[in-house]
Amino acid sequence: FGRDFDSMMGIEWQEPSQKGVTGHLDGNLSF
């Protein structure tokens, strides 16, 4: 799988228990 794609977007969410001050789920988008 890791050798197949031309481009990749990876989304990693924080654990729901670590919701920020806003109560929304925060994460990181990597490319």
PDB file of all heavy atoms in Angstrom:
ATOM      1  N   PHE A   1       0.838  -1.206   0.000  1.00  0.00           N
ATOM      2  CA  PHE A   1       0.000   0.000   0.000  1.00  0.00           C
ATOM      3  C   PHE A   1       0.869   1.251   0.000  1.00  0.00           C
ATOM      4  O   PHE A   1       0.615   2.198  -0.732  1.00  0.00           O
ATOM      5  CB  PHE A   1      -0.934   0.024   1.215  1.00  0.00           C
ATOM      6  CG  PHE A   1      -2.137  -0.858   1.092  1.00  0.00           C
ATOM      7  CD1 PHE A   1      -2.284  -1.944   1.925  1.00  0.00           C
ATOM      8  CD2 PHE A   1      -3.123  -0.591   0.164  1.00  0.00           C
ATOM      9  CE1 PHE A   1      -3.401  -2.759   1.843  1.00  0.00           C
ATOM     10  CE2 PHE A   1      -4.239  -1.398   0.056  1.00  0.00           C
ATOM     11  CZ  PHE A   1      -4.375  -2.491   0.897  1.00  0.00           C
ATOM     12  N   GLY A   2       1.910   1.280   0.814  1.00  0.00           N
ATOM     13  CA  GLY A   2       2.770   2.447   0.927  1.00  0.00           C
ATOM     14  C   GLY A   2       3.630   2.703  -0.294  1.00  0.00           C
ATOM     15  O   GLY A   2       4.126   3.801  -0.484  1.00  0.00           O
ATOM     16  N   ARG A   3       3.806   1.678  -1.129  1.00  0.00           N
ATOM     17  CA  ARG A   3       4.611   1.845  -2.348  1.00  0.00           C
ATOM     18  C   ARG A   3       3.754   2.103  -3.588  1.00  0.00           C
ATOM     19  O   ARG A   3       4.272   2.352  -4.656  1.00  0.00           O
ATOM     20  CB  ARG A   3       5.476   0.597  -2.565  1.00  0.00           C
ATOM     21  CG  ARG A   3       6.516   0.409  -1.484  1.00  0.00           C
ATOM     22  CD  ARG A   3       7.471  -0.734  -1.788  1.00  0.00           C
ATOM     23  NE  ARG A   3       6.839  -2.037  -1.866  1.00  0.00           N
ATOM     24  CZ  ARG A   3       6.593  -2.856  -0.841  1.00  0.00           C
ATOM     25  NH1 ARG A   3       6.921  -2.460   0.382  1.00  0.00           N
ATOM     26  NH2 ARG A   3       6.049  -4.036  -1.013  1.00  0.00           N
ATOM     27  N   ASP A   4       2.438   2.050  -3.443  1.00  0.00           N
ATOM     28  CA  ASP A   4       1.552   2.120  -4.601  1.00  0.00           C
ATOM     29  C   ASP A   4       1.184   3.525  -5.036  1.00  0.00           C
ATOM     30  O   ASP A   4       1.180   3.824  -6.216  1.00  0.00           O
ATOM     31  CB  ASP A   4       0.265   1.331  -4.323  1.00  0.00           C
ATOM     32  CG  ASP A   4      -0.692   1.377  -5.495  1.00  0.00           C
ATOM     33  OD1 ASP A   4      -0.343   0.832  -6.561  1.00  0.00           O
ATOM     34  OD2 ASP A   4      -1.768   1.978  -5.364  1.00  0.00           O
ATOM     35  N   PHE A   5       0.847   4.374  -4.122  1.00  0.00           N
ATOM     36  CA  PHE A   5       0.217   5.659  -4.463  1.00  0.00           C
ATOM     37  C   PHE A   5       1.192   6.671  -5.048  1.00  0.00           C
ATOM     38  O   PHE A   5       2.395   6.586  -4.852  1.00  0.00           O
ATOM     39  CB  PHE A   5      -0.470   6.259  -3.231  1.00  0.00           C
ATOM     40  CG  PHE A   5       0.467   6.501  -2.080  1.00  0.00           C
ATOM     41  CD1 PHE A   5       1.245   7.635  -2.046  1.00  0.00           C
ATOM     42  CD2 PHE A   5       0.572   5.587  -1.056  1.00  0.00           C
ATOM     43  CE1 PHE A   5       2.117   7.871  -0.989  1.00  0.00           C
ATOM     44  CE2 PHE A   5       1.437   5.814   0.007  1.00  0.00           C
ATOM     45  CZ  PHE A   5       2.209   6.955   0.034  1.00  0.00           C
ATOM     46  N   ASP A   6       0.626   7.645  -5.772  1.00  0.00           N
ATOM     47  CA  ASP A   6       1.398   8.774  -6.294  1.00  0.00           C
ATOM     48  C   ASP A   6       1.449   9.909  -5.272  1.00  0.00           C
ATOM     49  O   ASP A   6       2.451  10.599  -5.155  1.00  0.00           O
ATOM     50  CB  ASP A   6       0.790   9.292  -7.597  1.00  0.00           C
ATOM     51  CG  ASP A   6       0.869   8.250  -8.705  1.00  0.00           C
ATOM     52  OD1 ASP A   6       1.899   7.564  -8.794  1.00  0.00           O
ATOM     53  OD2 ASP A   6      -0.109   8.111  -9.452  1.00  0.00           O
ATOM     54  N   SER A   7       0.331  10.123  -4.586  1.00  0.00           N
ATOM     55  CA  SER A   7       0.238  11.152  -3.549  1.00  0.00           C
ATOM     56  C   SER A   7      -0.615  10.603  -2.419  1.00  0.00           C
ATOM     57  O   SER A   7      -1.517   9.805  -2.648  1.00  0.00           O
ATOM     58  CB  SER A   7      -0.417  12.427  -4.083  1.00  0.00           C
ATOM     59  OG  SER A   7       0.348  12.984  -5.121  1.00  0.00           O
ATOM     60  N   MET A   8      -0.327  11.061  -1.214  1.00  0.00           N
ATOM     61  CA  MET A   8      -1.067  10.587  -0.048  1.00  0.00           C
ATOM     62  C   MET A   8      -1.371  11.744   0.884  1.00  0.00           C
ATOM     63  O   MET A   8      -0.537  12.619   1.092  1.00  0.00           O
ATOM     64  CB  MET A   8      -0.240   9.554   0.711  1.00  0.00           C
ATOM     65  CG  MET A   8      -0.859   9.101   2.011  1.00  0.00           C
ATOM     66  SD  MET A   8       0.277   8.014   2.903  1.00  0.00           S
ATOM     67  CE  MET A   8      -0.437   8.101   4.520  1.00  0.00           C
ATOM     68  N   MET A   9      -2.608  11.744   1.394  1.00  0.00           N
ATOM     69  CA  MET A   9      -2.990  12.638   2.485  1.00  0.00           C
ATOM     70  C   MET A   9      -3.269  11.751   3.681  1.00  0.00           C
ATOM     71  O   MET A   9      -4.072  10.820   3.588  1.00  0.00           O
ATOM     72  CB  MET A   9      -4.277  13.400   2.150  1.00  0.00           C
ATOM     73  CG  MET A   9      -4.062  14.604   1.339  1.00  0.00           C
ATOM     74  SD  MET A   9      -5.551  15.637   1.102  1.00  0.00           S
ATOM     75  CE  MET A   9      -6.894  14.731   1.743  1.00  0.00           C
ATOM     76  N   GLY A  10      -2.603  12.014   4.787  1.00  0.00           N
ATOM     77  CA  GLY A  10      -2.849  11.260   6.011  1.00  0.00           C
ATOM     78  C   GLY A  10      -3.533  12.138   7.037  1.00  0.00           C
ATOM     79  O   GLY A  10      -3.079  13.245   7.310  1.00  0.00           O
ATOM     80  N   ILE A  11      -4.654  11.661   7.569  1.00  0.00           N
ATOM     81  CA  ILE A  11      -5.378  12.410   8.596  1.00  0.00           C
ATOM     82  C   ILE A  11      -5.246  11.648   9.909  1.00  0.00           C
ATOM     83  O   ILE A  11      -5.593  10.468   9.981  1.00  0.00           O
ATOM     84  CB  ILE A  11      -6.876  12.579   8.244  1.00  0.00           C
ATOM     85  CG1 ILE A  11      -7.032  13.335   6.927  1.00  0.00           C
ATOM     86  CG2 ILE A  11      -7.602  13.294   9.382  1.00  0.00           C
ATOM     87  CD1 ILE A  11      -8.466  13.453   6.453  1.00  0.00           C
ATOM     88  N   GLU A  12      -4.737  12.322  10.910  1.00  0.00           N
ATOM     89  CA  GLU A  12      -4.618  11.730  12.235  1.00  0.00           C
ATOM     90  C   GLU A  12      -5.363  12.616  13.219  1.00  0.00           C
ATOM     91  O   GLU A  12      -5.038  13.792  13.378  1.00  0.00           O
ATOM     92  CB  GLU A  12      -3.152  11.615  12.633  1.00  0.00           C
ATOM     93  CG  GLU A  12      -2.379  10.686  11.710  1.00  0.00           C
ATOM     94  CD  GLU A  12      -0.927  10.572  12.100  1.00  0.00           C
ATOM     95  OE1 GLU A  12      -0.653   9.909  13.107  1.00  0.00           O
ATOM     96  OE2 GLU A  12      -0.100  11.175  11.395  1.00  0.00           O
ATOM     97  N   TRP A  13      -6.386  12.032  13.841  1.00  0.00           N
ATOM     98  CA  TRP A  13      -7.193  12.766  14.810  1.00  0.00           C
ATOM     99  C   TRP A  13      -6.685  12.504  16.212  1.00  0.00           C
ATOM    100  O   TRP A  13      -6.222  11.412  16.515  1.00  0.00           O
ATOM    101  CB  TRP A  13      -8.659  12.331  14.724  1.00  0.00           C
ATOM    102  CG  TRP A  13      -9.290  12.634  13.406  1.00  0.00           C
ATOM    103  CD1 TRP A  13      -9.636  11.742  12.449  1.00  0.00           C
ATOM    104  CD2 TRP A  13      -9.626  13.920  12.891  1.00  0.00           C
ATOM    105  NE1 TRP A  13     -10.170  12.394  11.365  1.00  0.00           N
ATOM    106  CE2 TRP A  13     -10.177  13.725  11.611  1.00  0.00           C
ATOM    107  CE3 TRP A  13      -9.499  15.217  13.385  1.00  0.00           C
ATOM    108  CZ2 TRP A  13     -10.611  14.788  10.820  1.00  0.00           C
ATOM    109  CZ3 TRP A  13      -9.942  16.262  12.596  1.00  0.00           C
ATOM    110  CH2 TRP A  13     -10.493  16.037  11.337  1.00  0.00           C
ATOM    111  N   GLN A  14      -6.808  13.513  17.065  1.00  0.00           N
ATOM    112  CA  GLN A  14      -6.529  13.301  18.479  1.00  0.00           C
ATOM    113  C   GLN A  14      -7.606  12.375  19.033  1.00  0.00           C
ATOM    114  O   GLN A  14      -8.692  12.256  18.470  1.00  0.00           O
ATOM    115  CB  GLN A  14      -6.587  14.617  19.250  1.00  0.00           C
ATOM    116  CG  GLN A  14      -5.473  15.556  18.944  1.00  0.00           C
ATOM    117  CD  GLN A  14      -5.620  16.860  19.727  1.00  0.00           C
ATOM    118  OE1 GLN A  14      -6.641  17.135  20.324  1.00  0.00           O
ATOM    119  NE2 GLN A  14      -4.576  17.670  19.700  1.00  0.00           N
ATOM    120  N   GLU A  15      -7.308  11.763  20.138  1.00  0.00           N
ATOM    121  CA  GLU A  15      -8.313  10.938  20.806  1.00  0.00           C
ATOM    122  C   GLU A  15      -9.487  11.834  21.194  1.00  0.00           C
ATOM    123  O   GLU A  15      -9.288  12.984  21.604  1.00  0.00           O
ATOM    124  CB  GLU A  15      -7.731  10.292  22.057  1.00  0.00           C
ATOM    125  CG  GLU A  15      -6.639   9.285  21.758  1.00  0.00           C
ATOM    126  CD  GLU A  15      -7.145   8.096  20.971  1.00  0.00           C
ATOM    127  OE1 GLU A  15      -8.262   7.606  21.254  1.00  0.00           O
ATOM    128  OE2 GLU A  15      -6.435   7.659  20.052  1.00  0.00           O
ATOM    129  N   PRO A  16     -10.730  11.331  21.068  1.00  0.00           N
ATOM    130  CA  PRO A  16     -11.896  12.161  21.448  1.00  0.00           C
ATOM    131  C   PRO A  16     -11.802  12.709  22.864  1.00  0.00           C
ATOM    132  O   PRO A  16     -12.282  13.789  23.140  1.00  0.00           O
ATOM    133  CB  PRO A  16     -13.070  11.191  21.302  1.00  0.00           C
ATOM    134  CG  PRO A  16     -12.612  10.188  20.297  1.00  0.00           C
ATOM    135  CD  PRO A  16     -11.114  10.050  20.521  1.00  0.00           C
ATOM    136  N   SER A  17     -11.129  11.995  23.757  1.00  0.00           N
ATOM    137  CA  SER A  17     -10.993  12.476  25.131  1.00  0.00           C
ATOM    138  C   SER A  17     -10.074  13.697  25.215  1.00  0.00           C
ATOM    139  O   SER A  17     -10.018  14.365  26.234  1.00  0.00           O
ATOM    140  CB  SER A  17     -10.448  11.366  26.027  1.00  0.00           C
ATOM    141  OG  SER A  17      -9.165  10.971  25.584  1.00  0.00           O
ATOM    142  N   GLN A  18      -9.340  13.992  24.129  1.00  0.00           N
ATOM    143  CA  GLN A  18      -8.415  15.125  24.116  1.00  0.00           C
ATOM    144  C   GLN A  18      -8.978  16.303  23.331  1.00  0.00           C
ATOM    145  O   GLN A  18      -8.234  17.109  22.817  1.00  0.00           O
ATOM    146  CB  GLN A  18      -7.080  14.694  23.500  1.00  0.00           C
ATOM    147  CG  GLN A  18      -6.383  13.619  24.278  1.00  0.00           C
ATOM    148  CD  GLN A  18      -5.137  13.127  23.567  1.00  0.00           C
ATOM    149  OE1 GLN A  18      -4.948  13.351  22.380  1.00  0.00           O
ATOM    150  NE2 GLN A  18      -4.281  12.443  24.291  1.00  0.00           N
ATOM    151  N   LYS A  19     -10.291  16.388  23.237  1.00  0.00           N
ATOM    152  CA  LYS A  19     -10.891  17.501  22.509  1.00  0.00           C
ATOM    153  C   LYS A  19     -10.406  18.817  23.086  1.00  0.00           C
ATOM    154  O   LYS A  19     -10.242  18.947  24.297  1.00  0.00           O
ATOM    155  CB  LYS A  19     -12.416  17.438  22.569  1.00  0.00           C
ATOM    156  CG  LYS A  19     -13.005  16.359  21.684  1.00  0.00           C
ATOM    157  CD  LYS A  19     -14.506  16.424  21.702  1.00  0.00           C
ATOM    158  CE  LYS A  19     -15.079  15.356  20.806  1.00  0.00           C
ATOM    159  NZ  LYS A  19     -16.537  15.363  20.811  1.00  0.00           N
ATOM    160  N   GLY A  20     -10.187  19.760  22.184  1.00  0.00           N
ATOM    161  CA  GLY A  20      -9.677  21.063  22.594  1.00  0.00           C
ATOM    162  C   GLY A  20     -10.691  21.878  23.364  1.00  0.00           C
ATOM    163  O   GLY A  20     -11.799  21.429  23.658  1.00  0.00           O
ATOM    164  N   VAL A  21     -10.300  23.108  23.643  1.00  0.00           N
ATOM    165  CA  VAL A  21     -11.138  24.035  24.403  1.00  0.00           C
ATOM    166  C   VAL A  21     -12.488  24.211  23.718  1.00  0.00           C
ATOM    167  O   VAL A  21     -13.509  24.357  24.376  1.00  0.00           O
ATOM    168  CB  VAL A  21     -10.414  25.403  24.519  1.00  0.00           C
ATOM    169  CG1 VAL A  21     -11.297  26.429  25.194  1.00  0.00           C
ATOM    170  CG2 VAL A  21      -9.106  25.235  25.268  1.00  0.00           C
ATOM    171  N   THR A  22     -12.510  24.156  22.400  1.00  0.00           N
ATOM    172  CA  THR A  22     -13.743  24.392  21.652  1.00  0.00           C
ATOM    173  C   THR A  22     -14.686  23.191  21.680  1.00  0.00           C
ATOM    174  O   THR A  22     -15.831  23.304  21.299  1.00  0.00           O
ATOM    175  CB  THR A  22     -13.421  24.693  20.180  1.00  0.00           C
ATOM    176  OG1 THR A  22     -12.794  23.531  19.621  1.00  0.00           O
ATOM    177  CG2 THR A  22     -12.529  25.891  20.049  1.00  0.00           C
ATOM    178  N   GLY A  23     -14.187  22.029  22.115  1.00  0.00           N
ATOM    179  CA  GLY A  23     -15.010  20.827  22.087  1.00  0.00           C
ATOM    180  C   GLY A  23     -14.990  20.141  20.733  1.00  0.00           C
ATOM    181  O   GLY A  23     -15.593  19.091  20.563  1.00  0.00           O
ATOM    182  N   HIS A  24     -14.285  20.713  19.755  1.00  0.00           N
ATOM    183  CA  HIS A  24     -14.171  20.095  18.435  1.00  0.00           C
ATOM    184  C   HIS A  24     -12.984  19.151  18.413  1.00  0.00           C
ATOM    185  O   HIS A  24     -12.045  19.301  19.193  1.00  0.00           O
ATOM    186  CB  HIS A  24     -13.999  21.169  17.348  1.00  0.00           C
ATOM    187  CG  HIS A  24     -15.173  22.081  17.224  1.00  0.00           C
ATOM    188  ND1 HIS A  24     -16.389  21.654  16.768  1.00  0.00           N
ATOM    189  CD2 HIS A  24     -15.305  23.392  17.513  1.00  0.00           C
ATOM    190  CE1 HIS A  24     -17.232  22.668  16.774  1.00  0.00           C
ATOM    191  NE2 HIS A  24     -16.596  23.737  17.224  1.00  0.00           N
ATOM    192  N   LEU A  25     -13.019  18.204  17.520  1.00  0.00           N
ATOM    193  CA  LEU A  25     -11.928  17.247  17.393  1.00  0.00           C
ATOM    194  C   LEU A  25     -10.827  17.850  16.522  1.00  0.00           C
ATOM    195  O   LEU A  25     -11.071  18.270  15.397  1.00  0.00           O
ATOM    196  CB  LEU A  25     -12.464  15.962  16.750  1.00  0.00           C
ATOM    197  CG  LEU A  25     -11.577  14.741  16.783  1.00  0.00           C
ATOM    198  CD1 LEU A  25     -11.212  14.378  18.219  1.00  0.00           C
ATOM    199  CD2 LEU A  25     -12.288  13.566  16.137  1.00  0.00           C
ATOM    200  N   ASP A  26      -9.606  17.911  17.057  1.00  0.00           N
ATOM    201  CA  ASP A  26      -8.468  18.472  16.338  1.00  0.00           C
ATOM    202  C   ASP A  26      -7.616  17.354  15.764  1.00  0.00           C
ATOM    203  O   ASP A  26      -7.603  16.237  16.274  1.00  0.00           O
ATOM    204  CB  ASP A  26      -7.610  19.330  17.269  1.00  0.00           C
ATOM    205  CG  ASP A  26      -8.320  20.592  17.716  1.00  0.00           C
ATOM    206  OD1 ASP A  26      -9.040  21.178  16.887  1.00  0.00           O
ATOM    207  OD2 ASP A  26      -8.162  20.975  18.882  1.00  0.00           O
ATOM    208  N   GLY A  27      -6.888  17.665  14.708  1.00  0.00           N
ATOM    209  CA  GLY A  27      -6.028  16.665  14.091  1.00  0.00           C
ATOM    210  C   GLY A  27      -4.948  17.295  13.248  1.00  0.00           C
ATOM    211  O   GLY A  27      -4.760  18.507  13.234  1.00  0.00           O
ATOM    212  N   ASN A  28      -4.241  16.433  12.530  1.00  0.00           N
ATOM    213  CA  ASN A  28      -3.152  16.846  11.668  1.00  0.00           C
ATOM    214  C   ASN A  28      -3.351  16.219  10.294  1.00  0.00           C
ATOM    215  O   ASN A  28      -3.713  15.052  10.180  1.00  0.00           O
ATOM    216  CB  ASN A  28      -1.823  16.369  12.276  1.00  0.00           C
ATOM    217  CG  ASN A  28      -0.633  16.927  11.547  1.00  0.00           C
ATOM    218  OD1 ASN A  28      -0.502  18.131  11.405  1.00  0.00           O
ATOM    219  ND2 ASN A  28       0.228  16.054  11.063  1.00  0.00           N
ATOM    220  N   LEU A  29      -3.122  16.999   9.263  1.00  0.00           N
ATOM    221  CA  LEU A  29      -3.207  16.532   7.887  1.00  0.00           C
ATOM    222  C   LEU A  29      -1.795  16.585   7.316  1.00  0.00           C
ATOM    223  O   LEU A  29      -1.171  17.642   7.291  1.00  0.00           O
ATOM    224  CB  LEU A  29      -4.146  17.450   7.092  1.00  0.00           C
ATOM    225  CG  LEU A  29      -4.408  17.135   5.633  1.00  0.00           C
ATOM    226  CD1 LEU A  29      -5.031  15.757   5.471  1.00  0.00           C
ATOM    227  CD2 LEU A  29      -5.331  18.190   5.035  1.00  0.00           C
ATOM    228  N   SER A  30      -1.277  15.423   6.907  1.00  0.00           N
ATOM    229  CA  SER A  30       0.075  15.377   6.351  1.00  0.00           C
ATOM    230  C   SER A  30       0.015  14.887   4.910  1.00  0.00           C
ATOM    231  O   SER A  30      -0.961  14.266   4.490  1.00  0.00           O
ATOM    232  CB  SER A  30       0.970  14.457   7.189  1.00  0.00           C
ATOM    233  OG  SER A  30       0.456  13.136   7.212  1.00  0.00           O
ATOM    234  N   PHE A  31       1.063  15.177   4.159  1.00  0.00           N
ATOM    235  CA  PHE A  31       1.079  14.887   2.727  1.00  0.00           C
ATOM    236  C   PHE A  31       2.363  14.174   2.328  1.00  0.00           C
ATOM    237  O   PHE A  31       3.441  14.504   2.827  1.00  0.00           O
ATOM    238  CB  PHE A  31       1.004  16.195   1.922  1.00  0.00           C
ATOM    239  CG  PHE A  31      -0.193  17.040   2.256  1.00  0.00           C
ATOM    240  CD1 PHE A  31      -0.144  17.982   3.271  1.00  0.00           C
ATOM    241  CD2 PHE A  31      -1.369  16.880   1.548  1.00  0.00           C
ATOM    242  CE1 PHE A  31      -1.242  18.754   3.580  1.00  0.00           C
ATOM    243  CE2 PHE A  31      -2.482  17.658   1.853  1.00  0.00           C
ATOM    244  CZ  PHE A  31      -2.416  18.593   2.863  1.00  0.00           C
TER     245      PHE A  31
END
